[in-house]
Amino acid sequence: MLGEALLLAGATGAGWFWYDSMRARERAVALGRQACEREGLQFLDETVLCTRTRPARDADGRVRLRRVYRFEFSDDGVNRRAGHLVLLGPQLESLELEPFLTP
């Protein structure tokens, strides 16, 4: 009985983590796309990759997951440039774009 409860709790936790990770990736894609649109760049959305996930505290002291994403964009349709963004929970913590040619 205890083993079944632990298995169910583990499966529920894994399901929550997967769902939350997919929502966070969708948010990262949207934020990366918006940043590129503001700068007149081409966002390469199939390149979004979560490179690190770890717990961290937000401004209210609550434990959230801090996720670091890497993505690529193009300034001229040929060059590939790197961008990084950090989400703390659902909130954007930072966004950096590699130097690029002004379109």
PDB file of N, CA and C in Angstrom:
ATOM      1  N   MET A   1       0.818  -1.198   0.000  1.00  0.00           N
ATOM      2  CA  MET A   1       0.000   0.000   0.000  1.00  0.00           C
ATOM      3  C   MET A   1       0.868   1.271   0.000  1.00  0.00           C
ATOM      4  N   LEU A   2       1.879   1.310   0.844  1.00  0.00           N
ATOM      5  CA  LEU A   2       2.758   2.476   0.907  1.00  0.00           C
ATOM      6  C   LEU A   2       3.541   2.625  -0.392  1.00  0.00           C
ATOM      7  N   GLY A   3       3.970   1.506  -0.963  1.00  0.00           N
ATOM      8  CA  GLY A   3       4.699   1.541  -2.232  1.00  0.00           C
ATOM      9  C   GLY A   3       3.858   2.109  -3.349  1.00  0.00           C
ATOM     10  N   GLU A   4       2.583   1.749  -3.378  1.00  0.00           N
ATOM     11  CA  GLU A   4       1.678   2.275  -4.400  1.00  0.00           C
ATOM     12  C   GLU A   4       1.464   3.770  -4.219  1.00  0.00           C
ATOM     13  N   ALA A   5       1.354   4.222  -2.991  1.00  0.00           N
ATOM     14  CA  ALA A   5       1.169   5.650  -2.718  1.00  0.00           C
ATOM     15  C   ALA A   5       2.409   6.431  -3.140  1.00  0.00           C
ATOM     16  N   LEU A   6       3.586   5.901  -2.851  1.00  0.00           N
ATOM     17  CA  LEU A   6       4.821   6.563  -3.259  1.00  0.00           C
ATOM     18  C   LEU A   6       4.953   6.590  -4.776  1.00  0.00           C
ATOM     19  N   LEU A   7       4.586   5.501  -5.432  1.00  0.00           N
ATOM     20  CA  LEU A   7       4.624   5.449  -6.890  1.00  0.00           C
ATOM     21  C   LEU A   7       3.662   6.472  -7.493  1.00  0.00           C
ATOM     22  N   LEU A   8       2.473   6.580  -6.937  1.00  0.00           N
ATOM     23  CA  LEU A   8       1.485   7.544  -7.414  1.00  0.00           C
ATOM     24  C   LEU A   8       1.984   8.978  -7.184  1.00  0.00           C
ATOM     25  N   ALA A   9       2.569   9.235  -6.029  1.00  0.00           N
ATOM     26  CA  ALA A   9       3.101  10.573  -5.735  1.00  0.00           C
ATOM     27  C   ALA A   9       4.247  10.913  -6.691  1.00  0.00           C
ATOM     28  N   GLY A  10       5.107   9.948  -6.961  1.00  0.00           N
ATOM     29  CA  GLY A  10       6.218  10.173  -7.897  1.00  0.00           C
ATOM     30  C   GLY A  10       5.725  10.433  -9.304  1.00  0.00           C
ATOM     31  N   ALA A  11       4.739   9.671  -9.737  1.00  0.00           N
ATOM     32  CA  ALA A  11       4.178   9.872 -11.085  1.00  0.00           C
ATOM     33  C   ALA A  11       3.474  11.220 -11.178  1.00  0.00           C
ATOM     34  N   THR A  12       2.783  11.620 -10.132  1.00  0.00           N
ATOM     35  CA  THR A  12       2.120  12.927 -10.116  1.00  0.00           C
ATOM     36  C   THR A  12       3.145  14.046 -10.168  1.00  0.00           C
ATOM     37  N   GLY A  13       4.208  13.931  -9.405  1.00  0.00           N
ATOM     38  CA  GLY A  13       5.283  14.933  -9.412  1.00  0.00           C
ATOM     39  C   GLY A  13       5.962  15.027 -10.767  1.00  0.00           C
ATOM     40  N   ALA A  14       6.213  13.891 -11.379  1.00  0.00           N
ATOM     41  CA  ALA A  14       6.844  13.888 -12.704  1.00  0.00           C
ATOM     42  C   ALA A  14       5.916  14.504 -13.743  1.00  0.00           C
ATOM     43  N   GLY A  15       4.636  14.208 -13.648  1.00  0.00           N
ATOM     44  CA  GLY A  15       3.660  14.792 -14.572  1.00  0.00           C
ATOM     45  C   GLY A  15       3.573  16.294 -14.409  1.00  0.00           C
ATOM     46  N   TRP A  16       3.553  16.761 -13.150  1.00  0.00           N
ATOM     47  CA  TRP A  16       3.530  18.203 -12.911  1.00  0.00           C
ATOM     48  C   TRP A  16       4.786  18.839 -13.477  1.00  0.00           C
ATOM     49  N   PHE A  17       5.962  18.277 -13.244  1.00  0.00           N
ATOM     50  CA  PHE A  17       7.216  18.851 -13.729  1.00  0.00           C
ATOM     51  C   PHE A  17       7.220  18.924 -15.257  1.00  0.00           C
ATOM     52  N   TRP A  18       6.762  17.885 -15.917  1.00  0.00           N
ATOM     53  CA  TRP A  18       6.708  17.879 -17.381  1.00  0.00           C
ATOM     54  C   TRP A  18       5.780  18.979 -17.884  1.00  0.00           C
ATOM     55  N   TYR A  19       4.579  19.078 -17.313  1.00  0.00           N
ATOM     56  CA  TYR A  19       3.607  20.089 -17.736  1.00  0.00           C
ATOM     57  C   TYR A  19       4.153  21.496 -17.485  1.00  0.00           C
ATOM     58  N   ASP A  20       4.728  21.721 -16.324  1.00  0.00           N
ATOM     59  CA  ASP A  20       5.281  23.029 -15.993  1.00  0.00           C
ATOM     60  C   ASP A  20       6.447  23.376 -16.912  1.00  0.00           C
ATOM     61  N   SER A  21       7.248  22.400 -17.262  1.00  0.00           N
ATOM     62  CA  SER A  21       8.376  22.632 -18.169  1.00  0.00           C
ATOM     63  C   SER A  21       7.900  22.992 -19.567  1.00  0.00           C
ATOM     64  N   MET A  22       6.839  22.362 -20.038  1.00  0.00           N
ATOM     65  CA  MET A  22       6.298  22.700 -21.363  1.00  0.00           C
ATOM     66  C   MET A  22       5.721  24.117 -21.366  1.00  0.00           C
ATOM     67  N   ARG A  23       5.031  24.499 -20.302  1.00  0.00           N
ATOM     68  CA  ARG A  23       4.495  25.869 -20.208  1.00  0.00           C
ATOM     69  C   ARG A  23       5.629  26.884 -20.162  1.00  0.00           C
ATOM     70  N   ALA A  24       6.694  26.587 -19.414  1.00  0.00           N
ATOM     71  CA  ALA A  24       7.828  27.502 -19.321  1.00  0.00           C
ATOM     72  C   ALA A  24       8.518  27.627 -20.673  1.00  0.00           C
ATOM     73  N   ARG A  25       8.650  26.534 -21.410  1.00  0.00           N
ATOM     74  CA  ARG A  25       9.276  26.605 -22.737  1.00  0.00           C
ATOM     75  C   ARG A  25       8.438  27.463 -23.678  1.00  0.00           C
ATOM     76  N   GLU A  26       7.116  27.292 -23.639  1.00  0.00           N
ATOM     77  CA  GLU A  26       6.235  28.121 -24.465  1.00  0.00           C
ATOM     78  C   GLU A  26       6.413  29.601 -24.124  1.00  0.00           C
ATOM     79  N   ARG A  27       6.553  29.901 -22.857  1.00  0.00           N
ATOM     80  CA  ARG A  27       6.767  31.293 -22.421  1.00  0.00           C
ATOM     81  C   ARG A  27       8.110  31.797 -22.929  1.00  0.00           C
ATOM     82  N   ALA A  28       9.149  30.953 -22.850  1.00  0.00           N
ATOM     83  CA  ALA A  28      10.472  31.345 -23.339  1.00  0.00           C
ATOM     84  C   ALA A  28      10.430  31.618 -24.843  1.00  0.00           C
ATOM     85  N   VAL A  29       9.725  30.794 -25.588  1.00  0.00           N
ATOM     86  CA  VAL A  29       9.596  31.012 -27.037  1.00  0.00           C
ATOM     87  C   VAL A  29       8.905  32.351 -27.300  1.00  0.00           C
ATOM     88  N   ALA A  30       7.810  32.621 -26.588  1.00  0.00           N
ATOM     89  CA  ALA A  30       7.075  33.871 -26.788  1.00  0.00           C
ATOM     90  C   ALA A  30       7.938  35.083 -26.435  1.00  0.00           C
ATOM     91  N   LEU A  31       8.660  35.023 -25.329  1.00  0.00           N
ATOM     92  CA  LEU A  31       9.497  36.153 -24.918  1.00  0.00           C
ATOM     93  C   LEU A  31      10.668  36.365 -25.875  1.00  0.00           C
ATOM     94  N   GLY A  32      11.278  35.282 -26.332  1.00  0.00           N
ATOM     95  CA  GLY A  32      12.367  35.393 -27.299  1.00  0.00           C
ATOM     96  C   GLY A  32      11.881  35.966 -28.611  1.00  0.00           C
ATOM     97  N   ARG A  33      10.725  35.515 -29.058  1.00  0.00           N
ATOM     98  CA  ARG A  33      10.144  36.025 -30.308  1.00  0.00           C
ATOM     99  C   ARG A  33       9.836  37.520 -30.186  1.00  0.00           C
ATOM    100  N   GLN A  34       9.248  37.932 -29.067  1.00  0.00           N
ATOM    101  CA  GLN A  34       8.923  39.349 -28.861  1.00  0.00           C
ATOM    102  C   GLN A  34      10.182  40.209 -28.868  1.00  0.00           C
ATOM    103  N   ALA A  35      11.237  39.754 -28.208  1.00  0.00           N
ATOM    104  CA  ALA A  35      12.488  40.515 -28.169  1.00  0.00           C
ATOM    105  C   ALA A  35      13.067  40.666 -29.572  1.00  0.00           C
ATOM    106  N   CYS A  36      13.024  39.597 -30.357  1.00  0.00           N
ATOM    107  CA  CYS A  36      13.548  39.658 -31.725  1.00  0.00           C
ATOM    108  C   CYS A  36      12.696  40.567 -32.603  1.00  0.00           C
ATOM    109  N   GLU A  37      11.382  40.507 -32.450  1.00  0.00           N
ATOM    110  CA  GLU A  37      10.510  41.379 -33.234  1.00  0.00           C
ATOM    111  C   GLU A  37      10.783  42.846 -32.925  1.00  0.00           C
ATOM    112  N   ARG A  38      10.997  43.174 -31.646  1.00  0.00           N
ATOM    113  CA  ARG A  38      11.295  44.558 -31.263  1.00  0.00           C
ATOM    114  C   ARG A  38      12.564  45.069 -31.936  1.00  0.00           C
ATOM    115  N   GLU A  39      13.535  44.169 -32.136  1.00  0.00           N
ATOM    116  CA  GLU A  39      14.822  44.553 -32.715  1.00  0.00           C
ATOM    117  C   GLU A  39      14.884  44.343 -34.228  1.00  0.00           C
ATOM    118  N   GLY A  40      13.805  43.808 -34.818  1.00  0.00           N
ATOM    119  CA  GLY A  40      13.783  43.561 -36.258  1.00  0.00           C
ATOM    120  C   GLY A  40      14.626  42.357 -36.653  1.00  0.00           C
ATOM    121  N   LEU A  41      14.672  41.348 -35.803  1.00  0.00           N
ATOM    122  CA  LEU A  41      15.488  40.154 -36.030  1.00  0.00           C
ATOM    123  C   LEU A  41      14.602  38.959 -36.348  1.00  0.00           C
ATOM    124  N   GLN A  42      15.203  37.936 -36.933  1.00  0.00           N
ATOM    125  CA  GLN A  42      14.477  36.699 -37.229  1.00  0.00           C
ATOM    126  C   GLN A  42      14.722  35.717 -36.085  1.00  0.00           C
ATOM    127  N   PHE A  43      13.656  35.347 -35.387  1.00  0.00           N
ATOM    128  CA  PHE A  43      13.729  34.408 -34.266  1.00  0.00           C
ATOM    129  C   PHE A  43      13.680  32.993 -34.804  1.00  0.00           C
ATOM    130  N   LEU A  44      14.623  32.181 -34.428  1.00  0.00           N
ATOM    131  CA  LEU A  44      14.668  30.782 -34.868  1.00  0.00           C
ATOM    132  C   LEU A  44      14.101  29.929 -33.738  1.00  0.00           C
ATOM    133  N   ASP A  45      12.772  29.752 -33.717  1.00  0.00           N
ATOM    134  CA  ASP A  45      12.100  29.174 -32.558  1.00  0.00           C
ATOM    135  C   ASP A  45      12.355  27.691 -32.331  1.00  0.00           C
ATOM    136  N   GLU A  46      12.802  26.982 -33.315  1.00  0.00           N
ATOM    137  CA  GLU A  46      13.099  25.562 -33.101  1.00  0.00           C
ATOM    138  C   GLU A  46      14.422  25.363 -32.359  1.00  0.00           C
ATOM    139  N   THR A  47      15.108  26.451 -32.036  1.00  0.00           N
ATOM    140  CA  THR A  47      16.405  26.352 -31.375  1.00  0.00           C
ATOM    141  C   THR A  47      16.320  26.571 -29.868  1.00  0.00           C
ATOM    142  N   VAL A  48      15.125  26.807 -29.318  1.00  0.00           N
ATOM    143  CA  VAL A  48      14.989  27.081 -27.891  1.00  0.00           C
ATOM    144  C   VAL A  48      15.306  25.822 -27.093  1.00  0.00           C
ATOM    145  N   LEU A  49      16.237  25.960 -26.154  1.00  0.00           N
ATOM    146  CA  LEU A  49      16.707  24.819 -25.375  1.00  0.00           C
ATOM    147  C   LEU A  49      16.892  25.239 -23.932  1.00  0.00           C
ATOM    148  N   CYS A  50      16.311  24.483 -23.012  1.00  0.00           N
ATOM    149  CA  CYS A  50      16.520  24.728 -21.584  1.00  0.00           C
ATOM    150  C   CYS A  50      17.875  24.124 -21.215  1.00  0.00           C
ATOM    151  N   THR A  51      18.789  24.980 -20.759  1.00  0.00           N
ATOM    152  CA  THR A  51      20.138  24.514 -20.446  1.00  0.00           C
ATOM    153  C   THR A  51      20.356  24.259 -18.965  1.00  0.00           C
ATOM    154  N   ARG A  52      19.493  24.825 -18.115  1.00  0.00           N
ATOM    155  CA  ARG A  52      19.677  24.624 -16.683  1.00  0.00           C
ATOM    156  C   ARG A  52      18.362  24.866 -15.959  1.00  0.00           C
ATOM    157  N   THR A  53      18.072  24.039 -14.972  1.00  0.00           N
ATOM    158  CA  THR A  53      16.901  24.200 -14.112  1.00  0.00           C
ATOM    159  C   THR A  53      17.337  23.943 -12.681  1.00  0.00           C
ATOM    160  N   ARG A  54      17.065  24.914 -11.816  1.00  0.00           N
ATOM    161  CA  ARG A  54      17.360  24.711 -10.399  1.00  0.00           C
ATOM    162  C   ARG A  54      16.420  25.555  -9.547  1.00  0.00           C
ATOM    163  N   PRO A  55      16.224  25.151  -8.303  1.00  0.00           N
ATOM    164  CA  PRO A  55      15.360  25.938  -7.424  1.00  0.00           C
ATOM    165  C   PRO A  55      16.036  27.245  -7.022  1.00  0.00           C
ATOM    166  N   ALA A  56      15.212  28.276  -6.850  1.00  0.00           N
ATOM    167  CA  ALA A  56      15.695  29.587  -6.392  1.00  0.00           C
ATOM    168  C   ALA A  56      14.527  30.303  -5.725  1.00  0.00           C
ATOM    169  N   ARG A  57      14.831  31.290  -4.922  1.00  0.00           N
ATOM    170  CA  ARG A  57      13.787  32.060  -4.247  1.00  0.00           C
ATOM    171  C   ARG A  57      13.456  33.328  -5.034  1.00  0.00           C
ATOM    172  N   ASP A  58      12.171  33.650  -5.092  1.00  0.00           N
ATOM    173  CA  ASP A  58      11.760  34.883  -5.755  1.00  0.00           C
ATOM    174  C   ASP A  58      11.804  36.038  -4.748  1.00  0.00           C
ATOM    175  N   ALA A  59      11.343  37.209  -5.142  1.00  0.00           N
ATOM    176  CA  ALA A  59      11.396  38.395  -4.280  1.00  0.00           C
ATOM    177  C   ALA A  59      10.559  38.229  -3.014  1.00  0.00           C
ATOM    178  N   ASP A  60       9.540  37.383  -3.067  1.00  0.00           N
ATOM    179  CA  ASP A  60       8.690  37.138  -1.899  1.00  0.00           C
ATOM    180  C   ASP A  60       9.214  36.005  -1.025  1.00  0.00           C
ATOM    181  N   GLY A  61      10.323  35.409  -1.402  1.00  0.00           N
ATOM    182  CA  GLY A  61      10.910  34.324  -0.618  1.00  0.00           C
ATOM    183  C   GLY A  61      10.369  32.949  -0.953  1.00  0.00           C
ATOM    184  N   ARG A  62       9.495  32.847  -1.939  1.00  0.00           N
ATOM    185  CA  ARG A  62       8.953  31.546  -2.330  1.00  0.00           C
ATOM    186  C   ARG A  62       9.940  30.815  -3.229  1.00  0.00           C
ATOM    187  N   VAL A  63       9.988  29.514  -3.076  1.00  0.00           N
ATOM    188  CA  VAL A  63      10.869  28.700  -3.916  1.00  0.00           C
ATOM    189  C   VAL A  63      10.196  28.497  -5.267  1.00  0.00           C
ATOM    190  N   ARG A  64      10.926  28.846  -6.316  1.00  0.00           N
ATOM    191  CA  ARG A  64      10.474  28.685  -7.698  1.00  0.00           C
ATOM    192  C   ARG A  64      11.562  27.961  -8.468  1.00  0.00           C
ATOM    193  N   LEU A  65      11.249  27.559  -9.674  1.00  0.00           N
ATOM    194  CA  LEU A  65      12.275  26.985 -10.539  1.00  0.00           C
ATOM    195  C   LEU A  65      12.856  28.087 -11.415  1.00  0.00           C
ATOM    196  N   ARG A  66      14.170  28.200 -11.394  1.00  0.00           N
ATOM    197  CA  ARG A  66      14.864  29.131 -12.296  1.00  0.00           C
ATOM    198  C   ARG A  66      15.331  28.305 -13.483  1.00  0.00           C
ATOM    199  N   ARG A  67      14.863  28.703 -14.663  1.00  0.00           N
ATOM    200  CA  ARG A  67      15.214  27.996 -15.885  1.00  0.00           C
ATOM    201  C   ARG A  67      15.987  28.935 -16.804  1.00  0.00           C
ATOM    202  N   VAL A  68      17.076  28.434 -17.343  1.00  0.00           N
ATOM    203  CA  VAL A  68      17.890  29.195 -18.281  1.00  0.00           C
ATOM    204  C   VAL A  68      17.679  28.585 -19.659  1.00  0.00           C
ATOM    205  N   TYR A  69      17.321  29.431 -20.619  1.00  0.00           N
ATOM    206  CA  TYR A  69      17.069  28.990 -21.990  1.00  0.00           C
ATOM    207  C   TYR A  69      18.063  29.635 -22.932  1.00  0.00           C
ATOM    208  N   ARG A  70      18.451  28.883 -23.930  1.00  0.00           N
ATOM    209  CA  ARG A  70      19.297  29.379 -25.014  1.00  0.00           C
ATOM    210  C   ARG A  70      18.466  29.298 -26.286  1.00  0.00           C
ATOM    211  N   PHE A  71      18.599  30.299 -27.138  1.00  0.00           N
ATOM    212  CA  PHE A  71      17.916  30.283 -28.424  1.00  0.00           C
ATOM    213  C   PHE A  71      18.800  30.970 -29.451  1.00  0.00           C
ATOM    214  N   GLU A  72      18.410  30.850 -30.701  1.00  0.00           N
ATOM    215  CA  GLU A  72      19.170  31.480 -31.771  1.00  0.00           C
ATOM    216  C   GLU A  72      18.275  32.415 -32.568  1.00  0.00           C
ATOM    217  N   PHE A  73      18.909  33.427 -33.131  1.00  0.00           N
ATOM    218  CA  PHE A  73      18.223  34.380 -33.990  1.00  0.00           C
ATOM    219  C   PHE A  73      19.175  34.757 -35.104  1.00  0.00           C
ATOM    220  N   SER A  74      18.645  35.413 -36.115  1.00  0.00           N
ATOM    221  CA  SER A  74      19.464  35.850 -37.240  1.00  0.00           C
ATOM    222  C   SER A  74      19.239  37.334 -37.470  1.00  0.00           C
ATOM    223  N   ASP A  75      20.339  38.035 -37.728  1.00  0.00           N
ATOM    224  CA  ASP A  75      20.226  39.465 -38.002  1.00  0.00           C
ATOM    225  C   ASP A  75      20.143  39.761 -39.498  1.00  0.00           C
ATOM    226  N   ASP A  76      20.579  38.812 -40.328  1.00  0.00           N
ATOM    227  CA  ASP A  76      20.559  39.053 -41.776  1.00  0.00           C
ATOM    228  C   ASP A  76      20.021  37.871 -42.575  1.00  0.00           C
ATOM    229  N   GLY A  77      19.473  36.872 -41.921  1.00  0.00           N
ATOM    230  CA  GLY A  77      18.946  35.703 -42.605  1.00  0.00           C
ATOM    231  C   GLY A  77      19.984  34.628 -42.860  1.00  0.00           C
ATOM    232  N   VAL A  78      21.265  34.927 -42.621  1.00  0.00           N
ATOM    233  CA  VAL A  78      22.344  33.963 -42.836  1.00  0.00           C
ATOM    234  C   VAL A  78      23.056  33.664 -41.510  1.00  0.00           C
ATOM    235  N   ASN A  79      23.464  34.718 -40.815  1.00  0.00           N
ATOM    236  CA  ASN A  79      24.169  34.560 -39.542  1.00  0.00           C
ATOM    237  C   ASN A  79      23.256  33.984 -38.476  1.00  0.00           C
ATOM    238  N   ARG A  80      23.825  33.167 -37.621  1.00  0.00           N
ATOM    239  CA  ARG A  80      23.103  32.649 -36.470  1.00  0.00           C
ATOM    240  C   ARG A  80      23.745  33.252 -35.229  1.00  0.00           C
ATOM    241  N   ARG A  81      22.934  33.906 -34.418  1.00  0.00           N
ATOM    242  CA  ARG A  81      23.401  34.532 -33.192  1.00  0.00           C
ATOM    243  C   ARG A  81      22.704  33.876 -32.003  1.00  0.00           C
ATOM    244  N   ALA A  82      23.330  33.974 -30.839  1.00  0.00           N
ATOM    245  CA  ALA A  82      22.785  33.343 -29.637  1.00  0.00           C
ATOM    246  C   ALA A  82      22.092  34.359 -28.749  1.00  0.00           C
ATOM    247  N   GLY A  83      21.042  33.912 -28.112  1.00  0.00           N
ATOM    248  CA  GLY A  83      20.347  34.684 -27.093  1.00  0.00           C
ATOM    249  C   GLY A  83      20.131  33.795 -25.882  1.00  0.00           C
ATOM    250  N   HIS A  84      20.017  34.410 -24.727  1.00  0.00           N
ATOM    251  CA  HIS A  84      19.760  33.676 -23.487  1.00  0.00           C
ATOM    252  C   HIS A  84      18.669  34.402 -22.715  1.00  0.00           C
ATOM    253  N   LEU A  85      17.811  33.630 -22.075  1.00  0.00           N
ATOM    254  CA  LEU A  85      16.853  34.244 -21.172  1.00  0.00           C
ATOM    255  C   LEU A  85      16.687  33.365 -19.947  1.00  0.00           C
ATOM    256  N   VAL A  86      16.350  34.013 -18.847  1.00  0.00           N
ATOM    257  CA  VAL A  86      16.194  33.329 -17.569  1.00  0.00           C
ATOM    258  C   VAL A  86      14.785  33.594 -17.060  1.00  0.00           C
ATOM    259  N   LEU A  87      14.080  32.520 -16.732  1.00  0.00           N
ATOM    260  CA  LEU A  87      12.762  32.609 -16.125  1.00  0.00           C
ATOM    261  C   LEU A  87      12.854  32.164 -14.678  1.00  0.00           C
ATOM    262  N   LEU A  88      12.286  32.941 -13.781  1.00  0.00           N
ATOM    263  CA  LEU A  88      12.148  32.536 -12.381  1.00  0.00           C
ATOM    264  C   LEU A  88      10.665  32.324 -12.160  1.00  0.00           C
ATOM    265  N   GLY A  89      10.269  31.054 -12.126  1.00  0.00           N
ATOM    266  CA  GLY A  89       8.847  30.748 -12.182  1.00  0.00           C
ATOM    267  C   GLY A  89       8.369  31.192 -13.558  1.00  0.00           C
ATOM    268  N   PRO A  90       7.252  31.921 -13.631  1.00  0.00           N
ATOM    269  CA  PRO A  90       6.781  32.405 -14.932  1.00  0.00           C
ATOM    270  C   PRO A  90       7.349  33.777 -15.322  1.00  0.00           C
ATOM    271  N   GLN A  91       8.108  34.393 -14.430  1.00  0.00           N
ATOM    272  CA  GLN A  91       8.586  35.756 -14.654  1.00  0.00           C
ATOM    273  C   GLN A  91       9.934  35.794 -15.359  1.00  0.00           C
ATOM    274  N   LEU A  92      10.061  36.718 -16.308  1.00  0.00           N
ATOM    275  CA  LEU A  92      11.327  36.933 -16.991  1.00  0.00           C
ATOM    276  C   LEU A  92      12.281  37.635 -16.037  1.00  0.00           C
ATOM    277  N   GLU A  93      13.427  37.025 -15.823  1.00  0.00           N
ATOM    278  CA  GLU A  93      14.430  37.603 -14.932  1.00  0.00           C
ATOM    279  C   GLU A  93      15.493  38.360 -15.725  1.00  0.00           C
ATOM    280  N   SER A  94      15.899  37.805 -16.865  1.00  0.00           N
ATOM    281  CA  SER A  94      16.864  38.498 -17.717  1.00  0.00           C
ATOM    282  C   SER A  94      16.775  37.962 -19.138  1.00  0.00           C
ATOM    283  N   LEU A  95      17.209  38.801 -20.091  1.00  0.00           N
ATOM    284  CA  LEU A  95      17.241  38.423 -21.492  1.00  0.00           C
ATOM    285  C   LEU A  95      18.441  39.108 -22.125  1.00  0.00           C
ATOM    286  N   GLU A  96      19.282  38.332 -22.804  1.00  0.00           N
ATOM    287  CA  GLU A  96      20.468  38.869 -23.458  1.00  0.00           C
ATOM    288  C   GLU A  96      20.513  38.394 -24.899  1.00  0.00           C
ATOM    289  N   LEU A  97      20.878  39.296 -25.790  1.00  0.00           N
ATOM    290  CA  LEU A  97      21.078  38.968 -27.195  1.00  0.00           C
ATOM    291  C   LEU A  97      22.538  39.220 -27.538  1.00  0.00           C
ATOM    292  N   GLU A  98      23.132  38.267 -28.229  1.00  0.00           N
ATOM    293  CA  GLU A  98      24.503  38.440 -28.714  1.00  0.00           C
ATOM    294  C   GLU A  98      24.548  39.672 -29.629  1.00  0.00           C
ATOM    295  N   PRO A  99      25.631  40.420 -29.627  1.00  0.00           N
ATOM    296  CA  PRO A  99      25.713  41.596 -30.521  1.00  0.00           C
ATOM    297  C   PRO A  99      25.400  41.199 -31.968  1.00  0.00           C
ATOM    298  N   PHE A 100      24.680  42.078 -32.658  1.00  0.00           N
ATOM    299  CA  PHE A 100      24.235  41.788 -34.016  1.00  0.00           C
ATOM    300  C   PHE A 100      24.315  43.045 -34.864  1.00  0.00           C
ATOM    301  N   LEU A 101      24.240  42.844 -36.179  1.00  0.00           N
ATOM    302  CA  LEU A 101      24.201  43.968 -37.108  1.00  0.00           C
ATOM    303  C   LEU A 101      22.839  44.622 -37.029  1.00  0.00           C
ATOM    304  N   THR A 102      22.798  45.934 -37.044  1.00  0.00           N
ATOM    305  CA  THR A 102      21.526  46.636 -37.012  1.00  0.00           C
ATOM    306  C   THR A 102      20.849  46.499 -38.363  1.00  0.00           C
ATOM    307  N   PRO A 103      19.603  45.929 -38.371  1.00  0.00           N
ATOM    308  CA  PRO A 103      18.904  45.751 -39.656  1.00  0.00           C
ATOM    309  C   PRO A 103      18.511  47.058 -40.309  1.00  0.00           C
TER     310      PRO A 103
END
